C-alpha atoms as a PDB file:
ATOM      1  CA  UNK A   1      -2.314 -10.174  -1.030  1.00  0.00           C
ATOM      2  CA  UNK A   2      -0.195 -13.105  -2.157  1.00  0.00           C
ATOM      3  CA  UNK A   3       1.135 -13.490  -5.664  1.00  0.00           C
ATOM      4  CA  UNK A   4      -1.653 -14.708  -7.911  1.00  0.00           C
ATOM      5  CA  UNK A   5      -4.348 -14.086  -5.285  1.00  0.00           C
ATOM      6  CA  UNK A   6      -7.382 -12.284  -6.639  1.00  0.00           C
ATOM      7  CA  UNK A   7      -8.963  -9.432  -4.718  1.00  0.00           C
ATOM      8  CA  UNK A   8     -12.621 -10.304  -4.249  1.00  0.00           C
ATOM      9  CA  UNK A   9     -13.563  -7.836  -1.503  1.00  0.00           C
ATOM     10  CA  UNK A  10     -12.497  -4.282  -0.793  1.00  0.00           C
ATOM     11  CA  UNK A  11     -13.344  -3.140   2.733  1.00  0.00           C
ATOM     12  CA  UNK A  12     -13.503   0.593   3.462  1.00  0.00           C
ATOM     13  CA  UNK A  13     -13.898   1.421   7.176  1.00  0.00           C
ATOM     14  CA  UNK A  14     -15.828   4.647   7.747  1.00  0.00           C
ATOM     15  CA  UNK A  15     -16.342   6.389  11.079  1.00  0.00           C
ATOM     16  CA  UNK A  16     -18.643   9.200   9.987  1.00  0.00           C
ATOM     17  CA  UNK A  17     -15.895  11.825   9.724  1.00  0.00           C
ATOM     18  CA  UNK A  18     -15.098  13.792   6.589  1.00  0.00           C
ATOM     19  CA  UNK A  19     -11.479  12.611   6.798  1.00  0.00           C
ATOM     20  CA  UNK A  20     -12.495   8.953   6.556  1.00  0.00           C
ATOM     21  CA  UNK A  21     -14.284   9.757   3.307  1.00  0.00           C
ATOM     22  CA  UNK A  22     -10.897  10.456   1.720  1.00  0.00           C
ATOM     23  CA  UNK A  23     -10.504   6.704   1.259  1.00  0.00           C
ATOM     24  CA  UNK A  24     -13.744   6.293  -0.690  1.00  0.00           C
ATOM     25  CA  UNK A  25     -12.554   7.279  -4.213  1.00  0.00           C
ATOM     26  CA  UNK A  26      -9.504   5.018  -3.813  1.00  0.00           C
ATOM     27  CA  UNK A  27     -11.561   2.119  -2.472  1.00  0.00           C
ATOM     28  CA  UNK A  28     -14.100   2.412  -5.277  1.00  0.00           C
ATOM     29  CA  UNK A  29     -11.420   2.509  -7.984  1.00  0.00           C
ATOM     30  CA  UNK A  30      -9.605  -0.505  -6.500  1.00  0.00           C
ATOM     31  CA  UNK A  31     -12.856  -2.461  -6.323  1.00  0.00           C
ATOM     32  CA  UNK A  32     -13.648  -1.598  -9.938  1.00  0.00           C
ATOM     33  CA  UNK A  33     -10.180  -2.612 -11.152  1.00  0.00           C
ATOM     34  CA  UNK A  34     -10.373  -5.939  -9.315  1.00  0.00           C
ATOM     35  CA  UNK A  35     -14.024  -6.622 -10.114  1.00  0.00           C
ATOM     36  CA  UNK A  36     -14.499  -6.921  -6.347  1.00  0.00           C
ATOM     37  CA  UNK A  37     -17.329  -6.185  -3.944  1.00  0.00           C
ATOM     38  CA  UNK A  38     -17.007  -2.861  -2.122  1.00  0.00           C
ATOM     39  CA  UNK A  39     -18.065  -3.139   1.513  1.00  0.00           C
ATOM     40  CA  UNK A  40     -18.344  -0.083   3.744  1.00  0.00           C
ATOM     41  CA  UNK A  41     -17.741  -1.036   7.364  1.00  0.00           C
ATOM     42  CA  UNK A  42     -19.041   1.175  10.159  1.00  0.00           C
ATOM     43  CA  UNK A  43     -18.348   0.054  13.718  1.00  0.00           C
ATOM     44  CA  UNK A  44     -20.311   1.307  16.704  1.00  0.00           C
ATOM     45  CA  UNK A  45     -20.422   0.210  20.331  1.00  0.00           C
ATOM     46  CA  UNK A  46     -24.019  -0.929  19.949  1.00  0.00           C
ATOM     47  CA  UNK A  47     -25.938  -1.994  16.862  1.00  0.00           C
ATOM     48  CA  UNK A  48     -28.125   0.701  15.293  1.00  0.00           C
ATOM     49  CA  UNK A  49     -31.205   0.461  13.069  1.00  0.00           C
ATOM     50  CA  UNK A  50     -30.729   0.126   9.320  1.00  0.00           C
ATOM     51  CA  UNK A  51     -30.894   3.475   7.570  1.00  0.00           C
ATOM     52  CA  UNK A  52     -29.313   5.486  10.360  1.00  0.00           C
ATOM     53  CA  UNK A  53     -25.855   4.088   9.647  1.00  0.00           C
ATOM     54  CA  UNK A  54     -26.201   4.558   5.895  1.00  0.00           C
ATOM     55  CA  UNK A  55     -27.146   8.202   6.403  1.00  0.00           C
ATOM     56  CA  UNK A  56     -24.156   8.757   8.676  1.00  0.00           C
ATOM     57  CA  UNK A  57     -21.441   7.108   6.578  1.00  0.00           C
ATOM     58  CA  UNK A  58     -22.811   8.462   3.294  1.00  0.00           C
ATOM     59  CA  UNK A  59     -22.484  12.106   4.294  1.00  0.00           C
ATOM     60  CA  UNK A  60     -20.568  13.843   1.511  1.00  0.00           C
ATOM     61  CA  UNK A  61     -20.562  10.791  -0.763  1.00  0.00           C
ATOM     62  CA  UNK A  62     -22.580  11.349  -3.915  1.00  0.00           C
ATOM     63  CA  UNK A  63     -22.862   7.810  -5.215  1.00  0.00           C
ATOM     64  CA  UNK A  64     -22.772   4.581  -3.193  1.00  0.00           C
ATOM     65  CA  UNK A  65     -24.415   2.407  -5.820  1.00  0.00           C
ATOM     66  CA  UNK A  66     -23.102  -1.141  -5.719  1.00  0.00           C
ATOM     67  CA  UNK A  67     -21.554  -0.820  -2.263  1.00  0.00           C
ATOM     68  CA  UNK A  68     -22.614  -2.950   0.694  1.00  0.00           C
ATOM     69  CA  UNK A  69     -22.860  -1.327   4.126  1.00  0.00           C
ATOM     70  CA  UNK A  70     -21.943  -3.521   7.094  1.00  0.00           C
ATOM     71  CA  UNK A  71     -23.151  -2.395  10.510  1.00  0.00           C
ATOM     72  CA  UNK A  72     -20.888  -3.905  13.151  1.00  0.00           C
ATOM     73  CA  UNK A  73     -20.911  -3.584  16.924  1.00  0.00           C
ATOM     74  CA  UNK A  74     -17.701  -3.637  18.920  1.00  0.00           C
ATOM     75  CA  UNK A  75     -14.241  -2.062  18.988  1.00  0.00           C
ATOM     76  CA  UNK A  76     -13.248  -0.644  15.579  1.00  0.00           C
ATOM     77  CA  UNK A  77      -9.900  -2.310  14.802  1.00  0.00           C
ATOM     78  CA  UNK A  78     -10.812  -5.889  15.869  1.00  0.00           C
ATOM     79  CA  UNK A  79     -14.171  -5.598  14.108  1.00  0.00           C
ATOM     80  CA  UNK A  80     -12.528  -4.422  10.875  1.00  0.00           C
ATOM     81  CA  UNK A  81      -9.969  -7.239  10.984  1.00  0.00           C
ATOM     82  CA  UNK A  82     -12.694  -9.763  11.734  1.00  0.00           C
ATOM     83  CA  UNK A  83     -14.775  -8.557   8.796  1.00  0.00           C
ATOM     84  CA  UNK A  84     -11.737  -8.853   6.515  1.00  0.00           C
ATOM     85  CA  UNK A  85     -10.899 -12.339   7.797  1.00  0.00           C
ATOM     86  CA  UNK A  86     -14.363 -13.651   6.971  1.00  0.00           C
ATOM     87  CA  UNK A  87     -13.587 -13.443   3.257  1.00  0.00           C
ATOM     88  CA  UNK A  88     -10.720 -14.575   1.059  1.00  0.00           C
ATOM     89  CA  UNK A  89      -8.845 -12.044  -1.045  1.00  0.00           C
ATOM     90  CA  UNK A  90      -9.685  -9.002   1.068  1.00  0.00           C
ATOM     91  CA  UNK A  91      -8.050  -5.602   0.651  1.00  0.00           C
ATOM     92  CA  UNK A  92      -8.579  -2.978   3.361  1.00  0.00           C
ATOM     93  CA  UNK A  93      -8.623   0.622   2.124  1.00  0.00           C
ATOM     94  CA  UNK A  94      -8.732   3.171   4.920  1.00  0.00           C
ATOM     95  CA  UNK A  95      -7.701   6.644   5.940  1.00  0.00           C
ATOM     96  CA  UNK A  96      -4.375   6.647   7.790  1.00  0.00           C
ATOM     97  CA  UNK A  97      -5.936   8.819  10.506  1.00  0.00           C
ATOM     98  CA  UNK A  98      -9.159  10.751  10.965  1.00  0.00           C
ATOM     99  CA  UNK A  99      -8.277  13.108  13.823  1.00  0.00           C
ATOM    100  CA  UNK A 100      -7.552  16.833  13.483  1.00  0.00           C
ATOM    101  CA  UNK A 101      -3.772  16.360  13.726  1.00  0.00           C
ATOM    102  CA  UNK A 102      -1.269  14.030  12.089  1.00  0.00           C
ATOM    103  CA  UNK A 103      -0.110  11.394  14.628  1.00  0.00           C
ATOM    104  CA  UNK A 104       3.667  11.041  15.196  1.00  0.00           C
ATOM    105  CA  UNK A 105       3.860   7.896  13.054  1.00  0.00           C
ATOM    106  CA  UNK A 106       1.300   9.091  10.547  1.00  0.00           C
ATOM    107  CA  UNK A 107      -1.194   6.467  11.700  1.00  0.00           C
ATOM    108  CA  UNK A 108      -4.240   6.773  13.902  1.00  0.00           C
ATOM    109  CA  UNK A 109      -4.775   4.114  16.566  1.00  0.00           C
ATOM    110  CA  UNK A 110      -7.312   2.190  14.487  1.00  0.00           C
ATOM    111  CA  UNK A 111      -5.244   2.183  11.286  1.00  0.00           C
ATOM    112  CA  UNK A 112      -2.117   1.169  13.207  1.00  0.00           C
ATOM    113  CA  UNK A 113      -3.905  -1.721  14.938  1.00  0.00           C
ATOM    114  CA  UNK A 114      -5.337  -2.951  11.619  1.00  0.00           C
ATOM    115  CA  UNK A 115      -1.910  -2.735   9.989  1.00  0.00           C
ATOM    116  CA  UNK A 116      -0.159  -4.522  12.865  1.00  0.00           C
ATOM    117  CA  UNK A 117      -2.593  -7.427  12.612  1.00  0.00           C
ATOM    118  CA  UNK A 118      -0.556  -8.337   9.548  1.00  0.00           C
ATOM    119  CA  UNK A 119      -3.015 -10.682   7.872  1.00  0.00           C
ATOM    120  CA  UNK A 120      -4.337  -8.411   5.134  1.00  0.00           C
ATOM    121  CA  UNK A 121      -2.958  -5.854   2.692  1.00  0.00           C
ATOM    122  CA  UNK A 122      -3.831  -2.333   3.817  1.00  0.00           C
ATOM    123  CA  UNK A 123      -4.058   0.631   1.465  1.00  0.00           C
ATOM    124  CA  UNK A 124      -3.521   3.799   3.515  1.00  0.00           C
ATOM    125  CA  UNK A 125      -4.984   7.051   2.217  1.00  0.00           C
ATOM    126  CA  UNK A 126      -3.973  10.481   3.476  1.00  0.00           C
ATOM    127  CA  UNK A 127      -6.754  12.441   5.142  1.00  0.00           C
ATOM    128  CA  UNK A 128      -5.663  15.561   3.269  1.00  0.00           C
ATOM    129  CA  UNK A 129      -6.439  14.192  -0.221  1.00  0.00           C
ATOM    130  CA  UNK A 130     -10.147  14.882   0.194  1.00  0.00           C
ATOM    131  CA  UNK A 131     -12.905  13.285  -1.843  1.00  0.00           C
ATOM    132  CA  UNK A 132     -11.553  14.067  -5.311  1.00  0.00           C
ATOM    133  CA  UNK A 133     -11.512  11.265  -7.927  1.00  0.00           C
ATOM    134  CA  UNK A 134      -8.536   8.901  -7.995  1.00  0.00           C
ATOM    135  CA  UNK A 135      -7.034   7.130 -10.987  1.00  0.00           C
ATOM    136  CA  UNK A 136      -4.199   4.616 -11.121  1.00  0.00           C
ATOM    137  CA  UNK A 137      -1.770   5.665 -13.854  1.00  0.00           C
ATOM    138  CA  UNK A 138       1.674   5.216 -12.285  1.00  0.00           C
ATOM    139  CA  UNK A 139       2.712   2.779  -9.535  1.00  0.00           C
ATOM    140  CA  UNK A 140       5.991   3.143  -7.650  1.00  0.00           C
ATOM    141  CA  UNK A 141       7.480  -0.041  -6.191  1.00  0.00           C
ATOM    142  CA  UNK A 142      10.542   0.422  -3.933  1.00  0.00           C
ATOM    143  CA  UNK A 143      12.908  -2.571  -3.874  1.00  0.00           C
ATOM    144  CA  UNK A 144      15.990  -3.129  -1.733  1.00  0.00           C
ATOM    145  CA  UNK A 145      17.245  -6.295  -3.400  1.00  0.00           C
ATOM    146  CA  UNK A 146      15.844  -8.695  -0.780  1.00  0.00           C
ATOM    147  CA  UNK A 147      13.412 -11.566  -1.434  1.00  0.00           C
ATOM    148  CA  UNK A 148      10.991  -9.974   1.062  1.00  0.00           C
ATOM    149  CA  UNK A 149      10.504  -6.812  -0.977  1.00  0.00           C
ATOM    150  CA  UNK A 150      10.586  -8.759  -4.262  1.00  0.00           C
ATOM    151  CA  UNK A 151       7.364 -10.537  -3.230  1.00  0.00           C
ATOM    152  CA  UNK A 152       5.489  -7.297  -3.806  1.00  0.00           C
ATOM    153  CA  UNK A 153       6.435  -7.305  -7.482  1.00  0.00           C
ATOM    154  CA  UNK A 154       3.935  -9.959  -8.580  1.00  0.00           C
ATOM    155  CA  UNK A 155       0.869  -8.226  -7.066  1.00  0.00           C
ATOM    156  CA  UNK A 156       2.128  -4.865  -8.388  1.00  0.00           C
ATOM    157  CA  UNK A 157       2.424  -6.227 -11.926  1.00  0.00           C
ATOM    158  CA  UNK A 158      -1.111  -7.649 -11.723  1.00  0.00           C
ATOM    159  CA  UNK A 159      -2.490  -4.339 -10.480  1.00  0.00           C
ATOM    160  CA  UNK A 160      -0.755  -2.224 -13.114  1.00  0.00           C
ATOM    161  CA  UNK A 161      -1.842  -4.550 -15.914  1.00  0.00           C
ATOM    162  CA  UNK A 162      -5.467  -4.285 -14.812  1.00  0.00           C
ATOM    163  CA  UNK A 163      -5.267  -0.504 -14.659  1.00  0.00           C
ATOM    164  CA  UNK A 164      -3.176  -0.089 -17.803  1.00  0.00           C
ATOM    165  CA  UNK A 165      -0.756   1.795 -15.570  1.00  0.00           C
ATOM    166  CA  UNK A 166       3.006   2.266 -15.588  1.00  0.00           C
ATOM    167  CA  UNK A 167       5.151   0.400 -13.035  1.00  0.00           C
ATOM    168  CA  UNK A 168       8.408   1.966 -11.890  1.00  0.00           C
ATOM    169  CA  UNK A 169      10.737  -0.094  -9.683  1.00  0.00           C
ATOM    170  CA  UNK A 170      12.943   2.088  -7.492  1.00  0.00           C
ATOM    171  CA  UNK A 171      16.112   0.930  -5.776  1.00  0.00           C
ATOM    172  CA  UNK A 172      17.587   3.316  -3.223  1.00  0.00           C
ATOM    173  CA  UNK A 173      21.261   2.818  -2.410  1.00  0.00           C
ATOM    174  CA  UNK A 174      21.901   4.035   1.122  1.00  0.00           C
ATOM    175  CA  UNK A 175      25.608   4.803   1.655  1.00  0.00           C
ATOM    176  CA  UNK A 176      27.073   3.253   4.784  1.00  0.00           C
ATOM    177  CA  UNK A 177      24.204   0.823   5.324  1.00  0.00           C
ATOM    178  CA  UNK A 178      25.236  -2.780   5.989  1.00  0.00           C
ATOM    179  CA  UNK A 179      23.883  -5.068   3.209  1.00  0.00           C
ATOM    180  CA  UNK A 180      20.963  -7.278   4.175  1.00  0.00           C
ATOM    181  CA  UNK A 181      21.862 -10.723   5.505  1.00  0.00           C
ATOM    182  CA  UNK A 182      18.637 -12.172   4.082  1.00  0.00           C
ATOM    183  CA  UNK A 183      19.540 -15.127   1.811  1.00  0.00           C
ATOM    184  CA  UNK A 184      19.193 -14.277  -1.873  1.00  0.00           C
ATOM    185  CA  UNK A 185      19.660 -10.527  -1.388  1.00  0.00           C
ATOM    186  CA  UNK A 186      21.460  -8.424  -3.976  1.00  0.00           C
ATOM    187  CA  UNK A 187      23.302  -5.320  -2.787  1.00  0.00           C
ATOM    188  CA  UNK A 188      23.870  -2.148  -4.783  1.00  0.00           C
ATOM    189  CA  UNK A 189      27.050  -1.683  -6.834  1.00  0.00           C
ATOM    190  CA  UNK A 190      30.058  -0.174  -5.106  1.00  0.00           C
ATOM    191  CA  UNK A 191      30.167   2.906  -7.336  1.00  0.00           C
ATOM    192  CA  UNK A 192      26.596   4.131  -7.709  1.00  0.00           C
ATOM    193  CA  UNK A 193      27.920   7.408  -9.148  1.00  0.00           C
ATOM    194  CA  UNK A 194      29.756   5.658 -11.991  1.00  0.00           C
ATOM    195  CA  UNK A 195      27.011   3.942 -14.022  1.00  0.00           C
ATOM    196  CA  UNK A 196      29.339   3.358 -16.967  1.00  0.00           C
ATOM    197  CA  UNK A 197      31.299   0.874 -14.817  1.00  0.00           C
ATOM    198  CA  UNK A 198      28.977  -1.196 -12.640  1.00  0.00           C
ATOM    199  CA  UNK A 199      25.423   0.042 -13.130  1.00  0.00           C
ATOM    200  CA  UNK A 200      24.457  -1.674 -16.443  1.00  0.00           C
ATOM    201  CA  UNK A 201      25.578  -5.137 -15.315  1.00  0.00           C
ATOM    202  CA  UNK A 202      24.065  -4.677 -11.855  1.00  0.00           C
ATOM    203  CA  UNK A 203      20.775  -3.506 -13.364  1.00  0.00           C
ATOM    204  CA  UNK A 204      20.497  -6.649 -15.478  1.00  0.00           C
ATOM    205  CA  UNK A 205      21.346  -8.836 -12.500  1.00  0.00           C
ATOM    206  CA  UNK A 206      18.877  -7.008 -10.232  1.00  0.00           C
ATOM    207  CA  UNK A 207      15.980  -7.380 -12.660  1.00  0.00           C
ATOM    208  CA  UNK A 208      16.873 -11.018 -13.243  1.00  0.00           C
ATOM    209  CA  UNK A 209      16.868 -11.679  -9.504  1.00  0.00           C
ATOM    210  CA  UNK A 210      13.516 -10.019  -8.803  1.00  0.00           C
ATOM    211  CA  UNK A 211      11.933 -11.833 -11.761  1.00  0.00           C
ATOM    212  CA  UNK A 212      13.120 -15.172 -10.391  1.00  0.00           C
ATOM    213  CA  UNK A 213      12.152 -14.384  -6.804  1.00  0.00           C
ATOM    214  CA  UNK A 214       8.535 -13.640  -7.736  1.00  0.00           C
ATOM    215  CA  UNK A 215       8.296 -15.959 -10.785  1.00  0.00           C
ATOM    216  CA  UNK A 216       7.599 -13.153 -13.242  1.00  0.00           C
ATOM    217  CA  UNK A 217       7.153 -14.067 -16.908  1.00  0.00           C
ATOM    218  CA  UNK A 218       9.837 -12.747 -19.236  1.00  0.00           C
ATOM    219  CA  UNK A 219       7.250 -10.693 -21.132  1.00  0.00           C
ATOM    220  CA  UNK A 220       6.600  -8.467 -18.100  1.00  0.00           C
ATOM    221  CA  UNK A 221       8.210  -5.066 -18.710  1.00  0.00           C
ATOM    222  CA  UNK A 222       9.807  -3.204 -15.829  1.00  0.00           C
ATOM    223  CA  UNK A 223      11.395   0.211 -15.523  1.00  0.00           C
ATOM    224  CA  UNK A 224      14.177   0.320 -12.947  1.00  0.00           C
ATOM    225  CA  UNK A 225      15.309   3.616 -11.410  1.00  0.00           C
ATOM    226  CA  UNK A 226      18.205   4.143  -9.022  1.00  0.00           C
ATOM    227  CA  UNK A 227      18.430   6.738  -6.264  1.00  0.00           C
ATOM    228  CA  UNK A 228      20.935   7.339  -3.506  1.00  0.00           C
ATOM    229  CA  UNK A 229      20.362   8.569   0.038  1.00  0.00           C
ATOM    230  CA  UNK A 230      17.918   7.942   2.863  1.00  0.00           C
ATOM    231  CA  UNK A 231      15.437   5.317   1.548  1.00  0.00           C
ATOM    232  CA  UNK A 232      12.263   6.824   2.982  1.00  0.00           C
ATOM    233  CA  UNK A 233      13.073  10.374   1.920  1.00  0.00           C
ATOM    234  CA  UNK A 234      14.142   9.260  -1.554  1.00  0.00           C
ATOM    235  CA  UNK A 235      10.968   7.217  -2.073  1.00  0.00           C
ATOM    236  CA  UNK A 236       8.834  10.231  -1.141  1.00  0.00           C
ATOM    237  CA  UNK A 237      10.901  12.566  -3.332  1.00  0.00           C
ATOM    238  CA  UNK A 238      10.782  10.218  -6.322  1.00  0.00           C
ATOM    239  CA  UNK A 239       7.027   9.633  -5.931  1.00  0.00           C
ATOM    240  CA  UNK A 240       6.406  13.375  -6.014  1.00  0.00           C
ATOM    241  CA  UNK A 241       8.768  13.913  -8.930  1.00  0.00           C
ATOM    242  CA  UNK A 242       7.203  11.166 -11.043  1.00  0.00           C
ATOM    243  CA  UNK A 243       3.647  11.998  -9.913  1.00  0.00           C
ATOM    244  CA  UNK A 244       3.001   8.473  -8.661  1.00  0.00           C
ATOM    245  CA  UNK A 245      -0.596   7.590  -7.850  1.00  0.00           C
ATOM    246  CA  UNK A 246       0.308   4.683  -5.587  1.00  0.00           C
ATOM    247  CA  UNK A 247       3.344   3.442  -3.659  1.00  0.00           C
ATOM    248  CA  UNK A 248       3.485  -0.306  -2.983  1.00  0.00           C
ATOM    249  CA  UNK A 249       5.685  -1.481  -0.117  1.00  0.00           C
ATOM    250  CA  UNK A 250       6.375  -4.914   1.294  1.00  0.00           C
ATOM    251  CA  UNK A 251       6.567  -4.878   5.098  1.00  0.00           C
ATOM    252  CA  UNK A 252       8.105  -7.283   7.590  1.00  0.00           C
ATOM    253  CA  UNK A 253       5.465  -6.620  10.246  1.00  0.00           C
ATOM    254  CA  UNK A 254       7.090  -4.404  12.869  1.00  0.00           C
ATOM    255  CA  UNK A 255       6.802  -0.714  13.686  1.00  0.00           C
ATOM    256  CA  UNK A 256       9.105  -0.892  16.679  1.00  0.00           C
ATOM    257  CA  UNK A 257      11.863   1.728  17.092  1.00  0.00           C
ATOM    258  CA  UNK A 258      14.688   1.284  14.564  1.00  0.00           C
ATOM    259  CA  UNK A 259      12.447  -0.923  12.426  1.00  0.00           C
ATOM    260  CA  UNK A 260      10.569  -0.064   9.218  1.00  0.00           C
ATOM    261  CA  UNK A 261      12.135   3.415   9.090  1.00  0.00           C
ATOM    262  CA  UNK A 262      11.463   3.815   5.367  1.00  0.00           C
ATOM    263  CA  UNK A 263       7.835   2.722   5.684  1.00  0.00           C
ATOM    264  CA  UNK A 264       7.217   5.142   8.554  1.00  0.00           C
ATOM    265  CA  UNK A 265       8.629   8.034   6.559  1.00  0.00           C
ATOM    266  CA  UNK A 266       6.588   7.122   3.499  1.00  0.00           C
ATOM    267  CA  UNK A 267       3.342   6.811   5.464  1.00  0.00           C
ATOM    268  CA  UNK A 268       3.825  10.274   6.989  1.00  0.00           C
ATOM    269  CA  UNK A 269       5.124  12.151   3.929  1.00  0.00           C
ATOM    270  CA  UNK A 270       3.938  10.291   0.810  1.00  0.00           C
ATOM    271  CA  UNK A 271       2.177  12.460  -1.801  1.00  0.00           C
ATOM    272  CA  UNK A 272      -0.164   9.570  -2.709  1.00  0.00           C
ATOM    273  CA  UNK A 273      -1.833   6.502  -1.147  1.00  0.00           C
ATOM    274  CA  UNK A 274       0.424   3.717   0.133  1.00  0.00           C
ATOM    275  CA  UNK A 275      -0.363   0.006  -0.269  1.00  0.00           C
ATOM    276  CA  UNK A 276       1.314  -2.050   2.474  1.00  0.00           C
ATOM    277  CA  UNK A 277       1.703  -5.752   1.731  1.00  0.00           C
ATOM    278  CA  UNK A 278       2.472  -7.818   4.853  1.00  0.00           C
ATOM    279  CA  UNK A 279       5.357 -10.274   4.626  1.00  0.00           C
ATOM    280  CA  UNK A 280       4.031 -13.809   4.261  1.00  0.00           C
ATOM    281  CA  UNK A 281       6.229 -16.902   3.913  1.00  0.00           C
END
């Protein structure tokens, strides 16, 4: 989802399990907010007659009015990515995993493969949330002062305005971490525990930088919060404390060891769905 790009299609992959249905309330709400078409994608090895698929994927779902059911043959992850690539402005909303146990990285094989494709925003929903209704009232947007993470601000503003939600920007200062070498980055103040000295000026500079990096209008209102510690753990803690309904994170495209540590922690431990926006130049 690039800045200014409109979501026209929300794809919700379903595999017939109760866990996969956890994504349905989130997918439906996102489609309603965006005025987009909701498409339920069910992938099987061989094509099946119409009606049989609908009965399988609709188990436990009371109302599928307005949704389109796509019956696709093939391997799940490539078929889901292919379906998303056939349309502009596609958001994929799916359960992070549908097995009986939480995978080590918090992602099932299908969700991880879809995420690693890196061409579409993916909204990951925890299997444990169940099929209860979902509303978007508070969005948490972690920022580390780099242009890469600032790119998520534009789409987050658009989403919160549509939902009439609150947007909280969170910067986590990690002691001992070497500042990013990415051009245009803004590091945290030296004395995070002495806000009367450096925090007010740094806050103004930080908000000015992120506005410029994502071309935000001056009328856009932002709340900036500061935390200190391990980024992933602090994001999870803050999301729970503020009862966030959605965490939006910009991602550079790698889940290799020693990469994306904060994202991995958030995916596993987040108390709410997580929208992952792939880095796009």
